[in-house]
Amino acid sequence: MKQVMLLITVYLLFSCSHSATIEATHNAKDHNCDCEKTVGIDRLLFATNIRLRNEKNRKVLLFNCATIHTAIASISDADGKNEREKFIYELDCISTIEQSQELSDDFKYYTESMQSSEDFFQSLNEEKKFFYELTFEKQKIKSILKVELD
């Protein structure tokens, strides 16, 4: 009886790992990011690998969009005080397609508080690649929020 249970357990372990490998391979090849369909529409979009290009007196951002799932958690101190909200971000995928969009002349840049546009341009020169939430308005990027993924 013990041998039968051991064989069943081994069989289940191998079958689960095999199906997980097939699913991971399928997702890697066929999984397109949903964000690719909505670039430039008046909405929010997550992006990474942002680069700046100047074109005829206008600034254009080159980027790869990312599908990120968001949630809000209520957190507090150990004693239950100082309750506040925390945004939680979970990365689903990063598009391999490079997108471009014009940056509004009066765009706003935020980290934990509002920053200057020069702070944004300086963050692009850092070696670490950050994720940003872009807000579009009239086919231009109107605001940029630096997002911290956990």
C-alpha atoms as a PDB file:
ATOM      1  CA  MET A   1       0.000   0.000   0.000  1.00  0.00           C
ATOM      2  CA  LYS A   2       2.840   2.391   0.835  1.00  0.00           C
ATOM      3  CA  GLN A   3       4.400   1.759  -2.573  1.00  0.00           C
ATOM      4  CA  VAL A   4       1.153   2.588  -4.349  1.00  0.00           C
ATOM      5  CA  MET A   5       0.787   5.860  -2.415  1.00  0.00           C
ATOM      6  CA  LEU A   6       4.419   6.730  -3.165  1.00  0.00           C
ATOM      7  CA  LEU A   7       3.933   6.067  -6.897  1.00  0.00           C
ATOM      8  CA  ILE A   8       0.766   8.176  -6.987  1.00  0.00           C
ATOM      9  CA  THR A   9       2.547  11.048  -5.204  1.00  0.00           C
ATOM     10  CA  VAL A  10       5.532  10.913  -7.570  1.00  0.00           C
ATOM     11  CA  TYR A  11       3.235  10.752 -10.582  1.00  0.00           C
ATOM     12  CA  LEU A  12       1.264  13.799  -9.393  1.00  0.00           C
ATOM     13  CA  LEU A  13       4.423  15.807  -8.738  1.00  0.00           C
ATOM     14  CA  PHE A  14       5.803  15.135 -12.205  1.00  0.00           C
ATOM     15  CA  SER A  15       2.503  15.802 -13.946  1.00  0.00           C
ATOM     16  CA  CYS A  16       2.073  19.128 -12.105  1.00  0.00           C
ATOM     17  CA  SER A  17       5.566  20.335 -12.921  1.00  0.00           C
ATOM     18  CA  HIS A  18       5.140  19.301 -16.565  1.00  0.00           C
ATOM     19  CA  SER A  19       1.863  21.218 -16.950  1.00  0.00           C
ATOM     20  CA  ALA A  20       3.401  24.267 -15.243  1.00  0.00           C
ATOM     21  CA  THR A  21       6.287  24.155 -17.741  1.00  0.00           C
ATOM     22  CA  ILE A  22       3.865  23.944 -20.664  1.00  0.00           C
ATOM     23  CA  GLU A  23       1.789  26.838 -19.294  1.00  0.00           C
ATOM     24  CA  ALA A  24       4.877  29.016 -18.701  1.00  0.00           C
ATOM     25  CA  THR A  25       6.111  28.336 -22.244  1.00  0.00           C
ATOM     26  CA  HIS A  26       2.670  29.158 -23.641  1.00  0.00           C
ATOM     27  CA  ASN A  27       2.472  32.423 -21.701  1.00  0.00           C
ATOM     28  CA  ALA A  28       5.961  33.496 -22.750  1.00  0.00           C
ATOM     29  CA  LYS A  29       5.244  32.988 -26.466  1.00  0.00           C
ATOM     30  CA  ASP A  30       1.607  33.975 -26.862  1.00  0.00           C
ATOM     31  CA  HIS A  31       1.011  36.452 -24.053  1.00  0.00           C
ATOM     32  CA  ASN A  32       0.618  39.952 -25.451  1.00  0.00           C
ATOM     33  CA  CYS A  33       0.242  42.835 -23.073  1.00  0.00           C
ATOM     34  CA  ASP A  34      -3.210  44.394 -23.142  1.00  0.00           C
ATOM     35  CA  CYS A  35      -1.647  47.830 -22.798  1.00  0.00           C
ATOM     36  CA  GLU A  36      -0.438  47.765 -26.421  1.00  0.00           C
ATOM     37  CA  LYS A  37      -4.001  48.375 -27.641  1.00  0.00           C
ATOM     38  CA  THR A  38      -4.652  51.509 -25.604  1.00  0.00           C
ATOM     39  CA  VAL A  39      -1.575  53.712 -25.975  1.00  0.00           C
ATOM     40  CA  GLY A  40      -2.515  57.325 -26.630  1.00  0.00           C
ATOM     41  CA  ILE A  41      -6.138  57.038 -25.540  1.00  0.00           C
ATOM     42  CA  ASP A  42      -7.285  59.392 -22.765  1.00  0.00           C
ATOM     43  CA  ARG A  43      -6.584  57.036 -19.880  1.00  0.00           C
ATOM     44  CA  LEU A  44      -3.878  55.717 -17.530  1.00  0.00           C
ATOM     45  CA  LEU A  45      -1.041  53.574 -18.799  1.00  0.00           C
ATOM     46  CA  PHE A  46       1.991  52.037 -17.120  1.00  0.00           C
ATOM     47  CA  ALA A  47       5.359  52.301 -18.851  1.00  0.00           C
ATOM     48  CA  THR A  48       9.028  51.478 -18.373  1.00  0.00           C
ATOM     49  CA  ASN A  49      12.284  51.873 -20.307  1.00  0.00           C
ATOM     50  CA  ILE A  50      11.388  55.514 -20.966  1.00  0.00           C
ATOM     51  CA  ARG A  51      13.654  57.534 -23.205  1.00  0.00           C
ATOM     52  CA  LEU A  52      13.342  61.132 -24.352  1.00  0.00           C
ATOM     53  CA  ARG A  53      13.592  62.276 -27.966  1.00  0.00           C
ATOM     54  CA  ASN A  54      13.341  65.874 -29.193  1.00  0.00           C
ATOM     55  CA  GLU A  55      11.468  66.362 -32.461  1.00  0.00           C
ATOM     56  CA  LYS A  56      10.862  69.771 -34.033  1.00  0.00           C
ATOM     57  CA  ASN A  57      10.374  71.764 -30.812  1.00  0.00           C
ATOM     58  CA  ARG A  58       8.419  69.009 -29.070  1.00  0.00           C
ATOM     59  CA  LYS A  59       9.416  66.297 -26.619  1.00  0.00           C
ATOM     60  CA  VAL A  60       8.463  62.708 -27.372  1.00  0.00           C
ATOM     61  CA  LEU A  61       8.742  59.830 -24.910  1.00  0.00           C
ATOM     62  CA  LEU A  62       9.718  56.398 -26.177  1.00  0.00           C
ATOM     63  CA  PHE A  63       8.668  53.569 -23.854  1.00  0.00           C
ATOM     64  CA  ASN A  64       7.474  50.016 -23.453  1.00  0.00           C
ATOM     65  CA  CYS A  65       4.030  49.786 -21.916  1.00  0.00           C
ATOM     66  CA  ALA A  66       3.396  47.380 -19.048  1.00  0.00           C
ATOM     67  CA  THR A  67       0.293  45.636 -17.792  1.00  0.00           C
ATOM     68  CA  ILE A  68       0.245  46.149 -14.035  1.00  0.00           C
ATOM     69  CA  HIS A  69      -2.564  45.135 -11.699  1.00  0.00           C
ATOM     70  CA  THR A  70      -3.266  47.554  -8.858  1.00  0.00           C
ATOM     71  CA  ALA A  71      -4.867  47.209  -5.441  1.00  0.00           C
ATOM     72  CA  ILE A  72      -5.242  49.409  -2.379  1.00  0.00           C
ATOM     73  CA  ALA A  73      -4.443  48.184   1.120  1.00  0.00           C
ATOM     74  CA  SER A  74      -5.200  49.880   4.403  1.00  0.00           C
ATOM     75  CA  ILE A  75      -2.191  49.730   6.700  1.00  0.00           C
ATOM     76  CA  SER A  76      -1.544  51.005  10.214  1.00  0.00           C
ATOM     77  CA  ASP A  77       1.052  50.889  12.948  1.00  0.00           C
ATOM     78  CA  ALA A  78       1.396  47.897  15.265  1.00  0.00           C
ATOM     79  CA  ASP A  79      -0.829  49.629  17.802  1.00  0.00           C
ATOM     80  CA  GLY A  80      -3.544  50.286  15.189  1.00  0.00           C
ATOM     81  CA  LYS A  81      -2.889  54.013  14.764  1.00  0.00           C
ATOM     82  CA  ASN A  82      -1.831  56.089  11.768  1.00  0.00           C
ATOM     83  CA  GLU A  83      -4.046  54.203   9.354  1.00  0.00           C
ATOM     84  CA  ARG A  84      -3.291  55.043   5.734  1.00  0.00           C
ATOM     85  CA  GLU A  85      -3.737  53.642   2.240  1.00  0.00           C
ATOM     86  CA  LYS A  86      -0.971  51.958   0.310  1.00  0.00           C
ATOM     87  CA  PHE A  87      -1.098  51.175  -3.394  1.00  0.00           C
ATOM     88  CA  ILE A  88       0.050  47.695  -4.318  1.00  0.00           C
ATOM     89  CA  TYR A  89       1.287  47.022  -7.846  1.00  0.00           C
ATOM     90  CA  GLU A  90       1.778  43.608  -9.447  1.00  0.00           C
ATOM     91  CA  LEU A  91       3.562  43.371 -12.802  1.00  0.00           C
ATOM     92  CA  ASP A  92       1.878  41.108 -15.354  1.00  0.00           C
ATOM     93  CA  CYS A  93       3.932  41.775 -18.488  1.00  0.00           C
ATOM     94  CA  ILE A  94       6.067  44.311 -20.345  1.00  0.00           C
ATOM     95  CA  SER A  95       5.416  44.859 -24.014  1.00  0.00           C
ATOM     96  CA  THR A  96       8.236  44.234 -26.460  1.00  0.00           C
ATOM     97  CA  ILE A  97       6.789  46.844 -28.817  1.00  0.00           C
ATOM     98  CA  GLU A  98       8.297  50.307 -28.467  1.00  0.00           C
ATOM     99  CA  GLN A  99       5.685  53.053 -28.282  1.00  0.00           C
ATOM    100  CA  SER A 100       6.059  56.814 -28.624  1.00  0.00           C
ATOM    101  CA  GLN A 101       3.883  59.646 -27.413  1.00  0.00           C
ATOM    102  CA  GLU A 102       4.228  63.411 -27.233  1.00  0.00           C
ATOM    103  CA  LEU A 103       4.841  64.949 -23.838  1.00  0.00           C
ATOM    104  CA  SER A 104       2.645  67.920 -22.967  1.00  0.00           C
ATOM    105  CA  ASP A 105       4.518  71.174 -22.375  1.00  0.00           C
ATOM    106  CA  ASP A 106       2.880  71.593 -18.960  1.00  0.00           C
ATOM    107  CA  PHE A 107       3.027  67.963 -17.747  1.00  0.00           C
ATOM    108  CA  LYS A 108       3.167  67.222 -14.015  1.00  0.00           C
ATOM    109  CA  TYR A 109       5.620  64.776 -12.426  1.00  0.00           C
ATOM    110  CA  TYR A 110       4.971  63.049  -9.094  1.00  0.00           C
ATOM    111  CA  THR A 111       6.895  60.719  -6.839  1.00  0.00           C
ATOM    112  CA  GLU A 112       5.495  60.853  -3.314  1.00  0.00           C
ATOM    113  CA  SER A 113       4.823  64.535  -3.911  1.00  0.00           C
ATOM    114  CA  MET A 114       4.859  66.823  -6.924  1.00  0.00           C
ATOM    115  CA  GLN A 115       8.307  67.295  -8.478  1.00  0.00           C
ATOM    116  CA  SER A 116       9.630  69.531 -11.220  1.00  0.00           C
ATOM    117  CA  SER A 117       9.826  68.430 -14.837  1.00  0.00           C
ATOM    118  CA  GLU A 118      13.629  68.635 -14.539  1.00  0.00           C
ATOM    119  CA  ASP A 119      13.484  65.994 -11.774  1.00  0.00           C
ATOM    120  CA  PHE A 120      11.722  63.692 -14.242  1.00  0.00           C
ATOM    121  CA  PHE A 121      14.327  64.253 -16.953  1.00  0.00           C
ATOM    122  CA  GLN A 122      17.064  63.602 -14.407  1.00  0.00           C
ATOM    123  CA  SER A 123      15.414  60.321 -13.315  1.00  0.00           C
ATOM    124  CA  LEU A 124      15.570  59.157 -16.941  1.00  0.00           C
ATOM    125  CA  ASN A 125      19.368  59.403 -16.804  1.00  0.00           C
ATOM    126  CA  GLU A 126      19.630  57.049 -13.815  1.00  0.00           C
ATOM    127  CA  GLU A 127      20.745  53.509 -14.509  1.00  0.00           C
ATOM    128  CA  LYS A 128      17.806  51.884 -12.733  1.00  0.00           C
ATOM    129  CA  LYS A 129      14.728  51.530 -14.921  1.00  0.00           C
ATOM    130  CA  PHE A 130      11.614  52.686 -13.099  1.00  0.00           C
ATOM    131  CA  PHE A 131       7.944  52.105 -13.800  1.00  0.00           C
ATOM    132  CA  TYR A 132       5.719  55.106 -14.376  1.00  0.00           C
ATOM    133  CA  GLU A 133       1.980  55.671 -14.563  1.00  0.00           C
ATOM    134  CA  LEU A 134       1.241  57.947 -17.527  1.00  0.00           C
ATOM    135  CA  THR A 135      -1.979  59.932 -17.821  1.00  0.00           C
ATOM    136  CA  PHE A 136      -3.009  60.914 -21.335  1.00  0.00           C
ATOM    137  CA  GLU A 137      -5.132  63.872 -22.318  1.00  0.00           C
ATOM    138  CA  LYS A 138      -5.826  64.857 -25.927  1.00  0.00           C
ATOM    139  CA  GLN A 139      -3.214  62.424 -27.266  1.00  0.00           C
ATOM    140  CA  LYS A 140      -0.445  63.894 -25.078  1.00  0.00           C
ATOM    141  CA  ILE A 141       1.103  62.769 -21.799  1.00  0.00           C
ATOM    142  CA  LYS A 142      -0.319  65.103 -19.161  1.00  0.00           C
ATOM    143  CA  SER A 143       1.044  63.633 -15.914  1.00  0.00           C
ATOM    144  CA  ILE A 144       3.644  61.091 -14.832  1.00  0.00           C
ATOM    145  CA  LEU A 145       3.693  59.221 -11.508  1.00  0.00           C
ATOM    146  CA  LYS A 146       6.745  57.189 -10.493  1.00  0.00           C
ATOM    147  CA  VAL A 147       5.523  53.774  -9.262  1.00  0.00           C
ATOM    148  CA  GLU A 148       7.326  51.596  -6.734  1.00  0.00           C
ATOM    149  CA  LEU A 149       6.789  47.892  -7.387  1.00  0.00           C
ATOM    150  CA  ASP A 150       7.151  45.601  -4.387  1.00  0.00           C
END
